[in-house]
């Protein structure tokens, strides 16, 4: 699928992120067929001499809610195209008053509280992927070096589409969570299972339930995302400009030692 022959970079985004395509030279748009179904329409463009693919996570016009997204289709489509690195944007609620709306956080770990989502691409094989460091350290370092961000944090992923209760928020804090969202899992897991580097860029759109005395609304989420769109786009663009061709991470060999090999005597 590579047009330029160079490294292909994937961006997964939502509201306010569609303008990233306008930063580069558009090549084409297409829908990718995978064993799980068809992907949303993907835009392919060139930026800083690199081939970049933008995928709207929630489909066109933000029509797909978090718990209904075909995460397996999306990541498999990127793999089929030859994407080697993924930068994903996520809207999150902060669990702490000192990390306020409008700030950008680069998570280093996650807590998974999703319930009904497909959790692996290997239902027919015994594959136990290592996620000690689930987000690519190389991509994280590049993002941290490219803009003003909160340099680490634990991303809590819930099933949605409802917001969390005050008691759930307190539990997440006690377990070490920093921010809470609905779209980060299982994307990061599938990327690791397919040996694709993956990093998340979390935009704090609101305080989580009980942290703020105000009622949570989706309007305030979209409002912050629209305000921070240009900052996010610049962060991503500057990060892509700095990406080297080589790798200093272990993402590309994630399956080494992860598959259960059946002894010949057991066959």
Protein backbone atom coordinates (compact mmCIF):
# COMPACT_ATOMS: atom_id res chain seq x y z
CA UNK A 1 0.00 0.00 0.00
CA UNK A 2 2.96 2.37 0.50
CA UNK A 3 3.07 5.04 -2.17
CA UNK A 4 6.33 6.77 -1.30
CA UNK A 5 8.13 3.63 -0.14
CA UNK A 6 8.88 5.25 3.22
CA UNK A 7 7.50 4.70 6.71
CA UNK A 8 3.71 5.09 6.97
CA UNK A 9 2.29 6.84 10.05
CA UNK A 10 -1.28 6.46 11.26
CA UNK A 11 -3.36 9.06 13.10
CA UNK A 12 -6.59 8.12 14.84
CA UNK A 13 -8.66 11.14 15.75
CA UNK A 14 -12.07 12.58 16.30
CA UNK A 15 -13.63 16.00 16.68
CA UNK A 16 -11.39 18.87 15.60
CA UNK A 17 -8.70 16.62 14.15
CA UNK A 18 -9.87 16.46 10.55
CA UNK A 19 -7.88 19.62 9.76
CA UNK A 20 -4.62 17.66 10.18
CA UNK A 21 -5.12 16.41 6.63
CA UNK A 22 -5.01 19.99 5.35
CA UNK A 23 -1.49 20.39 6.79
CA UNK A 24 -0.09 18.08 4.14
CA UNK A 25 -0.51 17.17 0.50
CA UNK A 26 -3.55 14.93 0.02
CA UNK A 27 -2.90 11.80 -2.01
CA UNK A 28 -6.24 9.99 -1.87
CA UNK A 29 -9.06 8.67 0.30
CA UNK A 30 -10.23 5.07 0.50
CA UNK A 31 -12.04 2.44 2.55
CA UNK A 32 -9.97 -0.59 3.56
CA UNK A 33 -11.50 -4.08 3.59
CA UNK A 34 -10.46 -6.33 6.50
CA UNK A 35 -11.60 -9.77 7.73
CA UNK A 36 -13.73 -7.92 10.30
CA UNK A 37 -15.40 -5.48 7.94
CA UNK A 38 -14.72 -2.20 6.18
CA UNK A 39 -12.87 0.68 7.81
CA UNK A 40 -14.14 4.26 7.91
CA UNK A 41 -12.97 6.36 4.96
CA UNK A 42 -9.26 6.94 5.42
CA UNK A 43 -7.37 9.99 4.13
CA UNK A 44 -3.81 9.47 2.90
CA UNK A 45 -1.53 12.51 2.68
CA UNK A 46 2.12 13.51 2.76
CA UNK A 47 3.52 15.55 5.64
CA UNK A 48 7.16 16.41 6.32
CA UNK A 49 8.18 13.97 3.60
CA UNK A 50 6.36 11.10 5.30
CA UNK A 51 3.22 9.26 4.28
CA UNK A 52 0.44 9.76 6.82
CA UNK A 53 -2.95 8.09 7.14
CA UNK A 54 -5.80 9.75 9.04
CA UNK A 55 -8.69 7.64 10.34
CA UNK A 56 -11.79 9.13 12.04
CA UNK A 57 -12.34 6.83 15.01
CA UNK A 58 -16.04 7.59 15.32
CA UNK A 59 -16.63 7.52 11.54
CA UNK A 60 -17.78 10.56 9.59
CA UNK A 61 -19.62 13.24 11.61
CA UNK A 62 -18.86 11.43 14.89
CA UNK A 63 -21.77 9.00 14.42
CA UNK A 64 -20.35 5.93 16.19
CA UNK A 65 -20.39 5.87 20.05
CA UNK A 66 -17.31 4.55 21.92
CA UNK A 67 -18.77 1.14 22.82
CA UNK A 68 -19.76 0.45 19.19
CA UNK A 69 -16.47 1.34 17.46
CA UNK A 70 -14.93 -1.47 15.39
CA UNK A 71 -11.52 -1.16 17.03
CA UNK A 72 -10.30 -4.46 15.55
CA UNK A 73 -11.30 -3.36 12.05
CA UNK A 74 -9.58 0.00 12.41
CA UNK A 75 -6.25 -1.34 13.64
CA UNK A 76 -6.27 -4.22 11.15
CA UNK A 77 -6.90 -1.71 8.35
CA UNK A 78 -3.81 0.22 9.42
CA UNK A 79 -1.75 -2.98 9.50
CA UNK A 80 -2.98 -3.96 6.05
CA UNK A 81 -1.94 -0.56 4.70
CA UNK A 82 1.55 -0.85 6.14
CA UNK A 83 1.21 1.62 9.02
CA UNK A 84 4.13 1.23 11.43
CA UNK A 85 3.39 3.92 14.01
CA UNK A 86 0.10 5.23 15.38
CA UNK A 87 -0.62 8.50 17.15
CA UNK A 88 -4.10 8.38 18.70
CA UNK A 89 -6.02 11.29 20.21
CA UNK A 90 -8.38 10.70 23.13
CA UNK A 91 -10.72 13.02 25.01
CA UNK A 92 -10.54 12.37 28.76
CA UNK A 93 -11.85 13.56 32.09
CA UNK A 94 -9.34 14.45 34.78
CA UNK A 95 -9.42 12.74 38.17
CA UNK A 96 -7.38 15.55 39.75
CA UNK A 97 -7.97 19.28 40.12
CA UNK A 98 -4.33 20.10 39.25
CA UNK A 99 -4.78 18.62 35.75
CA UNK A 100 -7.43 20.85 34.28
CA UNK A 101 -9.48 21.10 31.08
CA UNK A 102 -7.34 22.02 28.09
CA UNK A 103 -4.20 20.24 29.29
CA UNK A 104 -2.65 17.48 27.20
CA UNK A 105 -1.42 14.29 28.86
CA UNK A 106 0.72 11.50 27.39
CA UNK A 107 -0.22 8.31 29.30
CA UNK A 108 2.36 5.69 30.17
CA UNK A 109 -0.02 2.99 31.43
CA UNK A 110 -3.71 2.06 31.52
CA UNK A 111 -6.44 0.45 33.62
CA UNK A 112 -9.05 -1.46 31.64
CA UNK A 113 -12.63 -1.26 32.89
CA UNK A 114 -14.33 -2.08 29.59
CA UNK A 115 -16.78 -4.97 29.67
CA UNK A 116 -18.08 -6.11 26.29
CA UNK A 117 -15.31 -5.32 23.84
CA UNK A 118 -13.19 -7.77 21.91
CA UNK A 119 -9.90 -7.94 23.82
CA UNK A 120 -7.59 -9.79 21.42
CA UNK A 121 -7.09 -10.46 17.73
CA UNK A 122 -5.95 -14.00 18.51
CA UNK A 123 -9.05 -15.95 19.50
CA UNK A 124 -7.76 -19.07 17.77
CA UNK A 125 -4.21 -18.93 19.10
CA UNK A 126 -2.71 -18.80 22.59
CA UNK A 127 -0.98 -15.41 22.44
CA UNK A 128 -0.03 -13.65 25.69
CA UNK A 129 1.27 -10.23 24.72
CA UNK A 130 3.48 -8.27 27.12
CA UNK A 131 2.00 -4.86 28.01
CA UNK A 132 4.33 -3.91 30.85
CA UNK A 133 4.89 -0.70 28.90
CA UNK A 134 1.76 -0.56 26.70
CA UNK A 135 2.54 2.74 24.97
CA UNK A 136 5.57 2.96 22.69
CA UNK A 137 8.35 4.65 24.70
CA UNK A 138 9.93 6.10 21.55
CA UNK A 139 6.70 7.77 20.43
CA UNK A 140 6.03 9.01 23.97
CA UNK A 141 9.46 10.64 24.13
CA UNK A 142 8.91 12.33 20.76
CA UNK A 143 5.54 13.71 21.87
CA UNK A 144 6.92 14.96 25.18
CA UNK A 145 9.77 16.65 23.31
CA UNK A 146 7.39 18.30 20.82
CA UNK A 147 5.04 20.33 23.01
CA UNK A 148 3.84 21.35 26.44
CA UNK A 149 2.28 18.22 27.92
CA UNK A 150 1.77 16.32 31.17
CA UNK A 151 4.50 13.74 30.70
CA UNK A 152 2.88 10.69 32.28
CA UNK A 153 -0.34 9.35 33.69
CA UNK A 154 -2.57 6.30 33.91
CA UNK A 155 -5.45 6.18 31.44
CA UNK A 156 -8.61 4.53 32.80
CA UNK A 157 -10.88 3.20 30.06
CA UNK A 158 -14.57 2.60 30.76
CA UNK A 159 -17.22 1.03 28.56
CA UNK A 160 -19.42 4.10 28.16
CA UNK A 161 -21.39 5.68 26.70
CA UNK A 162 -22.48 7.07 30.10
CA UNK A 163 -20.12 9.12 32.22
CA UNK A 164 -18.74 7.60 35.41
CA UNK A 165 -20.32 7.80 38.86
CA UNK A 166 -18.67 9.68 41.72
CA UNK A 167 -17.89 6.38 43.48
CA UNK A 168 -16.28 4.96 40.34
CA UNK A 169 -14.13 8.07 40.02
CA UNK A 170 -13.00 7.70 43.64
CA UNK A 171 -12.16 4.03 42.99
CA UNK A 172 -10.16 4.92 39.87
CA UNK A 173 -8.15 7.46 41.89
CA UNK A 174 -7.47 4.91 44.64
CA UNK A 175 -6.22 2.45 42.01
CA UNK A 176 -3.77 4.97 40.59
CA UNK A 177 -5.73 6.39 37.64
CA UNK A 178 -5.05 9.89 36.36
CA UNK A 179 -7.61 10.45 33.60
CA UNK A 180 -10.67 8.55 32.40
CA UNK A 181 -11.99 8.02 28.86
CA UNK A 182 -13.89 5.57 26.68
CA UNK A 183 -11.85 5.01 23.50
CA UNK A 184 -8.29 4.00 24.39
CA UNK A 185 -8.94 0.29 24.91
CA UNK A 186 -8.56 -2.07 23.05
CA UNK A 187 -6.79 0.08 20.43
CA UNK A 188 -3.48 0.05 22.25
CA UNK A 189 -3.72 -3.72 22.83
CA UNK A 190 -4.48 -4.53 19.19
CA UNK A 191 -1.61 -2.31 18.04
CA UNK A 192 0.81 -4.20 20.27
CA UNK A 193 -0.57 -7.55 19.07
CA UNK A 194 0.12 -6.45 15.49
CA UNK A 195 3.56 -5.07 16.40
CA UNK A 196 2.64 -1.46 15.60
CA UNK A 197 4.07 1.36 17.72
CA UNK A 198 1.24 3.24 19.45
CA UNK A 199 1.01 6.32 21.65
CA UNK A 200 -1.99 8.21 23.00
CA UNK A 201 -2.44 11.97 23.20
CA UNK A 202 -5.09 12.69 25.84
CA UNK A 203 -6.84 16.06 25.82
CA UNK A 204 -8.46 16.83 29.17
CA UNK A 205 -11.92 18.05 28.19
CA UNK A 206 -13.50 18.18 31.66
CA UNK A 207 -13.14 17.13 35.27
CA UNK A 208 -14.59 13.71 36.04
CA UNK A 209 -17.78 13.34 38.11
CA UNK A 210 -17.55 14.80 41.64
CA UNK A 211 -14.23 16.54 40.89
CA UNK A 212 -16.25 19.41 39.47
CA UNK A 213 -19.53 20.48 41.10
CA UNK A 214 -21.08 21.09 37.69
CA UNK A 215 -23.12 18.58 35.69
CA UNK A 216 -21.10 16.78 33.02
CA UNK A 217 -22.22 17.45 29.46
CA UNK A 218 -20.96 16.39 26.04
CA UNK A 219 -21.13 20.03 24.95
CA UNK A 220 -18.22 21.01 27.20
CA UNK A 221 -16.20 18.09 25.82
CA UNK A 222 -16.62 19.25 22.22
CA UNK A 223 -16.00 22.87 23.21
CA UNK A 224 -12.59 22.11 24.71
CA UNK A 225 -11.62 19.80 21.84
CA UNK A 226 -12.40 22.51 19.31
CA UNK A 227 -10.37 25.06 21.29
CA UNK A 228 -7.37 22.72 21.52
CA UNK A 229 -7.52 21.42 17.94
CA UNK A 230 -4.78 23.71 16.61
CA UNK A 231 -2.50 22.86 19.56
CA UNK A 232 -3.06 19.14 19.01
CA UNK A 233 -2.45 19.39 15.29
CA UNK A 234 0.80 21.27 15.85
CA UNK A 235 1.94 18.70 18.44
CA UNK A 236 1.26 15.85 16.03
CA UNK A 237 2.83 17.64 13.09
CA UNK A 238 6.00 18.49 15.04
CA UNK A 239 6.21 14.92 16.33
CA UNK A 240 5.92 13.48 12.82
CA UNK A 241 8.64 15.85 11.62
CA UNK A 242 11.02 14.40 14.25
CA UNK A 243 10.23 10.72 13.66
CA UNK A 244 13.30 8.72 12.64
CA UNK A 245 13.14 5.84 10.21
CA UNK A 246 14.73 3.41 12.66
CA UNK A 247 13.35 2.06 15.95
CA UNK A 248 14.63 2.17 19.51
CA UNK A 249 11.66 0.27 20.94
CA UNK A 250 10.57 -3.37 21.21
CA UNK A 251 7.13 -2.88 19.65
CA UNK A 252 8.21 -4.49 16.39
CA UNK A 253 9.14 -7.74 18.14
CA UNK A 254 6.17 -7.89 20.54
CA UNK A 255 5.12 -11.35 19.36
CA UNK A 256 8.51 -12.89 20.14
CA UNK A 257 7.93 -15.17 23.09
CA UNK A 258 4.22 -14.35 23.21
CA UNK A 259 2.89 -17.35 21.29
CA UNK A 260 2.44 -20.69 23.01
CA UNK A 261 4.36 -23.23 20.95
CA UNK A 262 2.77 -26.70 21.04
CA UNK A 263 5.34 -29.48 21.71
CA UNK A 264 5.40 -32.03 18.89
CA UNK A 265 4.54 -34.81 21.37
CA UNK A 266 1.25 -33.07 22.10
CA UNK A 267 0.14 -32.98 18.49
